[in-house]
Amino acid sequence: MSGRHTPGPWSFREPNGRGMGYQIPETGAWFGSRTLDPETLANVRLCAASPDLLEALESCATRMECAGLMATDARFAIAKARGEK
């Protein structure tokens, strides 16, 4: 499965104020549970930051390679995020 993700930046919100979940409005993704526990909130924050993290990792990998360093792990993670691995 390969394809482009929804461009960032992404945000998150609790749309109904009743503690039923969080939404990343830019993608329509929902993260829900009966209670909004700290782990669910941490997962939502990580997902919302993912476009920024991918962009930063791509930049770091390019800089490493320009400096003659190996960026194998970074390139593997980038390919995984893009659905290429």
C-alpha atoms as a PDB file:
ATOM      1  CA  MET A   1       0.000   0.000   0.000  1.00  0.00           C
ATOM      2  CA  SER A   2       1.649   3.186  -1.135  1.00  0.00           C
ATOM      3  CA  GLY A   3       0.186   6.638  -1.273  1.00  0.00           C
ATOM      4  CA  ARG A   4       0.375  10.127   0.029  1.00  0.00           C
ATOM      5  CA  HIS A   5      -0.833  10.980   3.478  1.00  0.00           C
ATOM      6  CA  THR A   6      -2.967  14.013   4.258  1.00  0.00           C
ATOM      7  CA  PRO A   7      -0.558  16.964   4.383  1.00  0.00           C
ATOM      8  CA  GLY A   8       0.225  18.371   7.817  1.00  0.00           C
ATOM      9  CA  PRO A   9       0.170  20.052  10.121  1.00  0.00           C
ATOM     10  CA  TRP A  10      -2.442  18.031  11.960  1.00  0.00           C
ATOM     11  CA  SER A  11      -4.191  18.926  15.178  1.00  0.00           C
ATOM     12  CA  PHE A  12      -6.470  17.046  17.544  1.00  0.00           C
ATOM     13  CA  ARG A  13      -9.541  17.876  19.527  1.00  0.00           C
ATOM     14  CA  GLU A  14     -12.192  16.377  21.733  1.00  0.00           C
ATOM     15  CA  PRO A  15     -15.132  17.245  19.499  1.00  0.00           C
ATOM     16  CA  ASN A  16     -18.103  16.512  21.722  1.00  0.00           C
ATOM     17  CA  GLY A  17     -16.730  17.444  25.152  1.00  0.00           C
ATOM     18  CA  ARG A  18     -18.197  14.266  26.636  1.00  0.00           C
ATOM     19  CA  GLY A  19     -15.008  12.251  26.856  1.00  0.00           C
ATOM     20  CA  MET A  20     -15.824   9.833  24.056  1.00  0.00           C
ATOM     21  CA  GLY A  21     -12.676  10.258  22.013  1.00  0.00           C
ATOM     22  CA  TYR A  22     -10.379  12.501  20.063  1.00  0.00           C
ATOM     23  CA  GLN A  23     -10.413  13.398  16.390  1.00  0.00           C
ATOM     24  CA  ILE A  24      -7.684  14.497  13.996  1.00  0.00           C
ATOM     25  CA  PRO A  25      -9.951  16.748  11.902  1.00  0.00           C
ATOM     26  CA  GLU A  26      -7.601  16.989   8.935  1.00  0.00           C
ATOM     27  CA  THR A  27      -7.821  13.223   8.372  1.00  0.00           C
ATOM     28  CA  GLY A  28     -11.146  12.292   9.926  1.00  0.00           C
ATOM     29  CA  ALA A  29      -9.377   9.761  12.171  1.00  0.00           C
ATOM     30  CA  TRP A  30     -10.988   9.006  15.539  1.00  0.00           C
ATOM     31  CA  PHE A  31      -9.363   7.635  18.669  1.00  0.00           C
ATOM     32  CA  GLY A  32     -11.892   6.630  21.227  1.00  0.00           C
ATOM     33  CA  SER A  33     -12.365   4.808  24.447  1.00  0.00           C
ATOM     34  CA  ARG A  34     -14.926   4.841  27.213  1.00  0.00           C
ATOM     35  CA  THR A  35     -12.560   6.966  29.245  1.00  0.00           C
ATOM     36  CA  LEU A  36      -9.965   9.322  27.864  1.00  0.00           C
ATOM     37  CA  ASP A  37      -7.011   7.782  29.581  1.00  0.00           C
ATOM     38  CA  PRO A  38      -3.469   9.216  29.380  1.00  0.00           C
ATOM     39  CA  GLU A  39      -2.354   6.506  26.932  1.00  0.00           C
ATOM     40  CA  THR A  40      -5.098   7.371  24.421  1.00  0.00           C
ATOM     41  CA  LEU A  41      -4.199  11.052  24.656  1.00  0.00           C
ATOM     42  CA  ALA A  42      -0.486  10.247  24.188  1.00  0.00           C
ATOM     43  CA  ASN A  43      -1.304   8.146  21.106  1.00  0.00           C
ATOM     44  CA  VAL A  44      -3.389  10.946  19.614  1.00  0.00           C
ATOM     45  CA  ARG A  45      -0.635  13.480  20.210  1.00  0.00           C
ATOM     46  CA  LEU A  46       1.900  11.196  18.518  1.00  0.00           C
ATOM     47  CA  CYS A  47      -0.376  10.637  15.531  1.00  0.00           C
ATOM     48  CA  ALA A  48      -1.104  14.353  15.196  1.00  0.00           C
ATOM     49  CA  ALA A  49       2.643  15.071  15.190  1.00  0.00           C
ATOM     50  CA  SER A  50       3.449  12.374  12.603  1.00  0.00           C
ATOM     51  CA  PRO A  51       3.582  14.614   9.479  1.00  0.00           C
ATOM     52  CA  ASP A  52       6.034  16.915  11.269  1.00  0.00           C
ATOM     53  CA  LEU A  53       8.073  13.961  12.530  1.00  0.00           C
ATOM     54  CA  LEU A  54       8.272  12.440   9.040  1.00  0.00           C
ATOM     55  CA  GLU A  55       9.386  15.732   7.533  1.00  0.00           C
ATOM     56  CA  ALA A  56      12.051  16.193  10.230  1.00  0.00           C
ATOM     57  CA  LEU A  57      13.328  12.622   9.770  1.00  0.00           C
ATOM     58  CA  GLU A  58      13.540  13.070   5.998  1.00  0.00           C
ATOM     59  CA  SER A  59      15.574  16.250   6.511  1.00  0.00           C
ATOM     60  CA  CYS A  60      17.891  14.586   9.042  1.00  0.00           C
ATOM     61  CA  ALA A  61      18.451  11.557   6.792  1.00  0.00           C
ATOM     62  CA  THR A  62      19.330  13.777   3.844  1.00  0.00           C
ATOM     63  CA  ARG A  63      21.780  15.787   5.951  1.00  0.00           C
ATOM     64  CA  MET A  64      23.374  12.624   7.289  1.00  0.00           C
ATOM     65  CA  GLU A  65      23.836  11.227   3.794  1.00  0.00           C
ATOM     66  CA  CYS A  66      25.263  14.529   2.526  1.00  0.00           C
ATOM     67  CA  ALA A  67      27.797  14.313   5.338  1.00  0.00           C
ATOM     68  CA  GLY A  68      28.763  10.799   4.240  1.00  0.00           C
ATOM     69  CA  LEU A  69      26.966   9.064   7.113  1.00  0.00           C
ATOM     70  CA  MET A  70      24.651   6.072   6.922  1.00  0.00           C
ATOM     71  CA  ALA A  71      20.943   6.732   7.436  1.00  0.00           C
ATOM     72  CA  THR A  72      19.702   3.161   6.989  1.00  0.00           C
ATOM     73  CA  ASP A  73      17.394   3.097  10.032  1.00  0.00           C
ATOM     74  CA  ALA A  74      15.975   6.502   9.156  1.00  0.00           C
ATOM     75  CA  ARG A  75      15.345   5.502   5.543  1.00  0.00           C
ATOM     76  CA  PHE A  76      13.670   2.266   6.684  1.00  0.00           C
ATOM     77  CA  ALA A  77      11.346   4.214   9.027  1.00  0.00           C
ATOM     78  CA  ILE A  78      10.548   6.703   6.232  1.00  0.00           C
ATOM     79  CA  ALA A  79       9.711   3.875   3.829  1.00  0.00           C
ATOM     80  CA  LYS A  80       7.520   2.235   6.485  1.00  0.00           C
ATOM     81  CA  ALA A  81       5.647   5.506   7.066  1.00  0.00           C
ATOM     82  CA  ARG A  82       5.082   5.816   3.311  1.00  0.00           C
ATOM     83  CA  GLY A  83       3.766   2.250   3.063  1.00  0.00           C
ATOM     84  CA  GLU A  84       6.757   1.059   1.072  1.00  0.00           C
ATOM     85  CA  LYS A  85       7.918  -1.555   3.643  1.00  0.00           C
END
